[in-house]
Amino acid sequence: MYTLYGISNCNTVKKAKDWLQENNIEFQFHDYRKQGLTTELLETFEATLGWEKLLNKQSTSWRKLSDDQKANVSKQTALQYMLETPTLIKRPVLDTGEKMIIGFKADNYQAEL
């Protein structure tokens, strides 16, 4: 079964959930805010997707970081920031068991799934 990771009030996550349901694809939803985010899970995401792709520089959470934090971001600091503030992770992340897909575009889900 697929696992969709994100936060429940995110519009992009809602669109992904709707698309999966409309296409009769079974999945479970993991909400970072309710179910948490472990270092192990974040490291799995990073190993598969890369921290640069995972870090959401368009988010409000990113804009709240200091200029110094943004200028000196590295793999280590990015992972620390994402662990402390999961809204810094691009959403959603869909784990199919064989691959991970980050973000949601209906065309991409159609092609990948």
N, C-alpha and C. Protein backbone atom coordinates (compact mmCIF):
# COMPACT_ATOMS: atom_id res chain seq x y z
N MET A 1 0.85 -1.19 0.00
CA MET A 1 0.00 0.00 0.00
C MET A 1 0.89 1.25 0.00
N TYR A 2 0.44 2.24 -0.72
CA TYR A 2 1.18 3.51 -0.80
C TYR A 2 1.00 4.30 0.49
N THR A 3 1.97 5.17 0.76
CA THR A 3 1.87 6.09 1.89
C THR A 3 2.07 7.50 1.36
N LEU A 4 1.14 8.37 1.69
CA LEU A 4 1.21 9.77 1.31
C LEU A 4 1.57 10.57 2.55
N TYR A 5 2.66 11.33 2.47
CA TYR A 5 3.15 12.11 3.61
C TYR A 5 2.89 13.59 3.36
N GLY A 6 2.49 14.30 4.42
CA GLY A 6 2.28 15.73 4.30
C GLY A 6 1.56 16.25 5.53
N ILE A 7 0.87 17.38 5.35
CA ILE A 7 0.04 17.93 6.41
C ILE A 7 -1.37 18.08 5.86
N SER A 8 -2.35 17.78 6.68
CA SER A 8 -3.72 17.66 6.19
C SER A 8 -4.34 18.96 5.68
N ASN A 9 -3.88 20.11 6.15
CA ASN A 9 -4.50 21.35 5.69
C ASN A 9 -3.82 21.96 4.47
N CYS A 10 -2.86 21.24 3.87
CA CYS A 10 -2.16 21.72 2.67
C CYS A 10 -3.02 21.44 1.43
N ASN A 11 -3.25 22.46 0.62
CA ASN A 11 -4.07 22.29 -0.58
C ASN A 11 -3.49 21.28 -1.56
N THR A 12 -2.18 21.27 -1.72
CA THR A 12 -1.56 20.32 -2.65
C THR A 12 -1.73 18.90 -2.15
N VAL A 13 -1.64 18.70 -0.86
CA VAL A 13 -1.86 17.37 -0.28
C VAL A 13 -3.31 16.96 -0.51
N LYS A 14 -4.23 17.88 -0.31
CA LYS A 14 -5.65 17.58 -0.54
C LYS A 14 -5.90 17.15 -1.98
N LYS A 15 -5.26 17.84 -2.93
CA LYS A 15 -5.42 17.49 -4.36
C LYS A 15 -4.86 16.10 -4.63
N ALA A 16 -3.73 15.78 -4.04
CA ALA A 16 -3.13 14.45 -4.22
C ALA A 16 -4.03 13.37 -3.64
N LYS A 17 -4.56 13.62 -2.44
CA LYS A 17 -5.47 12.64 -1.81
C LYS A 17 -6.70 12.43 -2.69
N ASP A 18 -7.28 13.53 -3.18
CA ASP A 18 -8.46 13.43 -4.05
C ASP A 18 -8.15 12.63 -5.30
N TRP A 19 -6.99 12.90 -5.92
CA TRP A 19 -6.62 12.21 -7.16
C TRP A 19 -6.47 10.71 -6.90
N LEU A 20 -5.79 10.35 -5.81
CA LEU A 20 -5.60 8.94 -5.49
C LEU A 20 -6.94 8.25 -5.26
N GLN A 21 -7.84 8.92 -4.52
CA GLN A 21 -9.16 8.33 -4.26
C GLN A 21 -9.97 8.19 -5.55
N GLU A 22 -9.96 9.22 -6.40
CA GLU A 22 -10.70 9.18 -7.67
C GLU A 22 -10.19 8.08 -8.59
N ASN A 23 -8.92 7.73 -8.46
CA ASN A 23 -8.32 6.70 -9.29
C ASN A 23 -8.23 5.35 -8.59
N ASN A 24 -8.97 5.23 -7.49
CA ASN A 24 -9.07 3.97 -6.75
C ASN A 24 -7.72 3.39 -6.37
N ILE A 25 -6.82 4.26 -5.94
CA ILE A 25 -5.51 3.81 -5.50
C ILE A 25 -5.50 3.85 -3.97
N GLU A 26 -5.27 2.69 -3.37
CA GLU A 26 -5.26 2.61 -1.91
C GLU A 26 -4.00 3.25 -1.36
N PHE A 27 -4.18 4.01 -0.30
CA PHE A 27 -3.05 4.65 0.35
C PHE A 27 -3.41 4.94 1.79
N GLN A 28 -2.37 5.12 2.58
CA GLN A 28 -2.57 5.62 3.94
C GLN A 28 -1.94 6.99 3.99
N PHE A 29 -2.48 7.84 4.85
CA PHE A 29 -1.98 9.21 4.96
C PHE A 29 -1.23 9.38 6.27
N HIS A 30 -0.04 9.94 6.17
CA HIS A 30 0.77 10.22 7.36
C HIS A 30 0.91 11.73 7.49
N ASP A 31 0.32 12.28 8.53
CA ASP A 31 0.36 13.72 8.78
C ASP A 31 1.53 14.01 9.72
N TYR A 32 2.50 14.80 9.22
CA TYR A 32 3.67 15.14 10.04
C TYR A 32 3.27 15.78 11.36
N ARG A 33 2.25 16.60 11.34
CA ARG A 33 1.86 17.31 12.57
C ARG A 33 1.23 16.37 13.60
N LYS A 34 0.43 15.42 13.13
CA LYS A 34 -0.27 14.52 14.05
C LYS A 34 0.54 13.29 14.39
N GLN A 35 1.21 12.71 13.40
CA GLN A 35 1.93 11.46 13.60
C GLN A 35 3.43 11.64 13.75
N GLY A 36 3.89 12.86 13.54
CA GLY A 36 5.30 13.15 13.74
C GLY A 36 6.18 12.82 12.55
N LEU A 37 7.43 13.19 12.70
CA LEU A 37 8.45 12.96 11.68
C LEU A 37 9.70 12.47 12.39
N THR A 38 10.16 11.29 12.03
CA THR A 38 11.36 10.74 12.66
C THR A 38 12.59 11.08 11.83
N THR A 39 13.72 11.05 12.49
CA THR A 39 15.00 11.26 11.79
C THR A 39 15.17 10.20 10.71
N GLU A 40 14.80 8.96 11.02
CA GLU A 40 14.94 7.86 10.07
C GLU A 40 14.12 8.09 8.81
N LEU A 41 12.87 8.52 8.98
CA LEU A 41 12.01 8.78 7.83
C LEU A 41 12.58 9.91 6.98
N LEU A 42 12.99 10.98 7.64
CA LEU A 42 13.56 12.11 6.92
C LEU A 42 14.83 11.70 6.17
N GLU A 43 15.67 10.89 6.79
CA GLU A 43 16.88 10.41 6.13
C GLU A 43 16.57 9.52 4.94
N THR A 44 15.49 8.74 5.02
CA THR A 44 15.05 7.93 3.88
C THR A 44 14.63 8.83 2.73
N PHE A 45 13.84 9.85 3.04
CA PHE A 45 13.44 10.83 2.01
C PHE A 45 14.68 11.45 1.37
N GLU A 46 15.61 11.88 2.21
CA GLU A 46 16.80 12.57 1.71
C GLU A 46 17.64 11.65 0.84
N ALA A 47 17.81 10.40 1.24
CA ALA A 47 18.62 9.45 0.48
C ALA A 47 18.02 9.20 -0.91
N THR A 48 16.69 9.21 -0.99
CA THR A 48 16.01 8.94 -2.25
C THR A 48 15.86 10.20 -3.10
N LEU A 49 15.48 11.30 -2.47
CA LEU A 49 15.12 12.51 -3.22
C LEU A 49 16.19 13.60 -3.22
N GLY A 50 17.05 13.60 -2.21
CA GLY A 50 18.05 14.65 -2.06
C GLY A 50 17.49 15.82 -1.26
N TRP A 51 18.30 16.37 -0.38
CA TRP A 51 17.81 17.43 0.51
C TRP A 51 17.44 18.70 -0.24
N GLU A 52 18.14 19.00 -1.35
CA GLU A 52 17.84 20.22 -2.09
C GLU A 52 16.43 20.18 -2.69
N LYS A 53 16.06 19.00 -3.18
CA LYS A 53 14.73 18.83 -3.77
C LYS A 53 13.65 18.79 -2.68
N LEU A 54 14.01 18.26 -1.53
CA LEU A 54 13.07 18.08 -0.42
C LEU A 54 12.75 19.40 0.28
N LEU A 55 13.71 20.30 0.33
CA LEU A 55 13.55 21.57 1.05
C LEU A 55 12.67 22.53 0.25
N ASN A 56 11.57 22.95 0.88
CA ASN A 56 10.61 23.83 0.21
C ASN A 56 10.96 25.30 0.45
N LYS A 57 11.68 25.88 -0.51
CA LYS A 57 12.11 27.27 -0.37
C LYS A 57 11.01 28.26 -0.74
N GLN A 58 9.83 27.75 -1.10
CA GLN A 58 8.68 28.61 -1.39
C GLN A 58 7.77 28.75 -0.17
N SER A 59 8.06 28.01 0.87
CA SER A 59 7.16 27.96 2.03
C SER A 59 7.28 29.18 2.93
N THR A 60 6.22 29.43 3.66
CA THR A 60 6.22 30.49 4.67
C THR A 60 7.28 30.18 5.73
N SER A 61 7.43 28.90 6.06
CA SER A 61 8.42 28.50 7.06
C SER A 61 9.83 28.87 6.62
N TRP A 62 10.13 28.72 5.34
CA TRP A 62 11.45 29.10 4.82
C TRP A 62 11.65 30.62 4.96
N ARG A 63 10.63 31.37 4.61
CA ARG A 63 10.73 32.83 4.68
C ARG A 63 10.94 33.31 6.12
N LYS A 64 10.51 32.52 7.10
CA LYS A 64 10.66 32.90 8.50
C LYS A 64 12.08 32.66 9.03
N LEU A 65 12.87 31.87 8.30
CA LEU A 65 14.25 31.64 8.73
C LEU A 65 15.05 32.93 8.54
N SER A 66 16.09 33.07 9.33
CA SER A 66 16.92 34.27 9.21
C SER A 66 17.72 34.22 7.90
N ASP A 67 18.16 35.39 7.43
CA ASP A 67 18.97 35.44 6.22
C ASP A 67 20.23 34.61 6.38
N ASP A 68 20.80 34.62 7.57
CA ASP A 68 22.00 33.84 7.85
C ASP A 68 21.72 32.34 7.73
N GLN A 69 20.58 31.90 8.28
CA GLN A 69 20.21 30.49 8.18
C GLN A 69 20.04 30.08 6.72
N LYS A 70 19.38 30.92 5.94
CA LYS A 70 19.15 30.60 4.52
C LYS A 70 20.45 30.60 3.74
N ALA A 71 21.32 31.56 4.01
CA ALA A 71 22.58 31.68 3.26
C ALA A 71 23.53 30.53 3.55
N ASN A 72 23.46 29.97 4.74
CA ASN A 72 24.41 28.93 5.15
C ASN A 72 23.78 27.54 5.23
N VAL A 73 22.70 27.33 4.49
CA VAL A 73 22.03 26.04 4.54
C VAL A 73 22.91 24.97 3.89
N SER A 74 22.98 23.82 4.56
CA SER A 74 23.73 22.66 4.08
C SER A 74 22.84 21.44 4.27
N LYS A 75 23.31 20.30 3.84
CA LYS A 75 22.52 19.08 4.05
C LYS A 75 22.20 18.91 5.54
N GLN A 76 23.21 19.06 6.37
CA GLN A 76 23.03 18.86 7.82
C GLN A 76 22.03 19.85 8.41
N THR A 77 22.19 21.15 8.09
CA THR A 77 21.28 22.15 8.66
C THR A 77 19.89 22.02 8.07
N ALA A 78 19.81 21.70 6.78
CA ALA A 78 18.50 21.55 6.13
C ALA A 78 17.71 20.42 6.80
N LEU A 79 18.37 19.30 7.05
CA LEU A 79 17.69 18.17 7.70
C LEU A 79 17.26 18.55 9.12
N GLN A 80 18.10 19.29 9.81
CA GLN A 80 17.75 19.74 11.16
C GLN A 80 16.53 20.65 11.11
N TYR A 81 16.52 21.61 10.18
CA TYR A 81 15.39 22.52 10.04
C TYR A 81 14.11 21.77 9.70
N MET A 82 14.20 20.80 8.77
CA MET A 82 13.02 20.04 8.35
C MET A 82 12.49 19.18 9.49
N LEU A 83 13.39 18.63 10.30
CA LEU A 83 12.98 17.82 11.44
C LEU A 83 12.25 18.68 12.47
N GLU A 84 12.77 19.88 12.71
CA GLU A 84 12.16 20.80 13.67
C GLU A 84 10.87 21.42 13.12
N THR A 85 10.84 21.68 11.81
CA THR A 85 9.70 22.35 11.17
C THR A 85 9.34 21.57 9.90
N PRO A 86 8.51 20.52 10.03
CA PRO A 86 8.19 19.68 8.87
C PRO A 86 7.52 20.43 7.70
N THR A 87 6.98 21.63 7.95
CA THR A 87 6.39 22.39 6.84
C THR A 87 7.46 22.89 5.87
N LEU A 88 8.73 22.69 6.20
CA LEU A 88 9.81 23.01 5.27
C LEU A 88 10.01 21.92 4.22
N ILE A 89 9.30 20.80 4.37
CA ILE A 89 9.40 19.71 3.40
C ILE A 89 8.37 19.94 2.30
N LYS A 90 8.83 19.84 1.03
CA LYS A 90 7.90 19.95 -0.09
C LYS A 90 6.84 18.88 0.06
N ARG A 91 5.62 19.22 -0.30
CA ARG A 91 4.50 18.30 -0.10
C ARG A 91 3.73 18.09 -1.39
N PRO A 92 3.10 16.93 -1.42
CA PRO A 92 3.29 15.75 -0.57
C PRO A 92 4.48 14.92 -1.04
N VAL A 93 4.82 13.93 -0.23
CA VAL A 93 5.76 12.89 -0.65
C VAL A 93 4.95 11.61 -0.70
N LEU A 94 4.95 10.96 -1.87
CA LEU A 94 4.22 9.70 -2.04
C LEU A 94 5.23 8.57 -2.15
N ASP A 95 5.14 7.62 -1.22
CA ASP A 95 6.01 6.45 -1.23
C ASP A 95 5.20 5.28 -1.78
N THR A 96 5.61 4.79 -2.95
CA THR A 96 4.88 3.68 -3.57
C THR A 96 5.45 2.33 -3.16
N GLY A 97 6.56 2.37 -2.40
CA GLY A 97 7.24 1.13 -2.06
C GLY A 97 8.38 0.85 -3.03
N GLU A 98 8.25 1.35 -4.26
CA GLU A 98 9.29 1.19 -5.27
C GLU A 98 10.00 2.51 -5.55
N LYS A 99 9.27 3.61 -5.38
CA LYS A 99 9.85 4.93 -5.64
C LYS A 99 9.12 5.97 -4.80
N MET A 100 9.72 7.15 -4.74
CA MET A 100 9.10 8.27 -4.04
C MET A 100 8.86 9.39 -5.04
N ILE A 101 7.69 9.98 -4.94
CA ILE A 101 7.31 11.09 -5.82
C ILE A 101 7.06 12.29 -4.92
N ILE A 102 7.69 13.40 -5.25
CA ILE A 102 7.54 14.60 -4.43
C ILE A 102 6.70 15.62 -5.18
N GLY A 103 5.81 16.28 -4.45
CA GLY A 103 4.90 17.25 -5.06
C GLY A 103 3.73 16.54 -5.70
N PHE A 104 2.81 17.32 -6.25
CA PHE A 104 1.66 16.71 -6.93
C PHE A 104 1.35 17.45 -8.22
N LYS A 105 1.32 16.70 -9.29
CA LYS A 105 0.79 17.14 -10.58
C LYS A 105 0.05 15.93 -11.12
N ALA A 106 -1.20 16.11 -11.48
CA ALA A 106 -2.03 15.01 -11.95
C ALA A 106 -1.36 14.25 -13.10
N ASP A 107 -0.78 14.99 -14.04
CA ASP A 107 -0.11 14.33 -15.18
C ASP A 107 1.04 13.45 -14.73
N ASN A 108 1.79 13.92 -13.75
CA ASN A 108 2.92 13.16 -13.24
C ASN A 108 2.45 11.91 -12.51
N TYR A 109 1.42 12.04 -11.68
CA TYR A 109 0.88 10.86 -10.99
C TYR A 109 0.36 9.87 -12.02
N GLN A 110 -0.33 10.35 -13.05
CA GLN A 110 -0.88 9.48 -14.09
C GLN A 110 0.25 8.71 -14.77
N ALA A 111 1.34 9.38 -15.07
CA ALA A 111 2.47 8.73 -15.74
C ALA A 111 3.22 7.77 -14.83
N GLU A 112 3.39 8.18 -13.58
CA GLU A 112 4.19 7.38 -12.65
C GLU A 112 3.43 6.19 -12.05
N LEU A 113 2.11 6.35 -11.90
CA LEU A 113 1.35 5.30 -11.24
C LEU A 113 0.55 4.49 -12.25
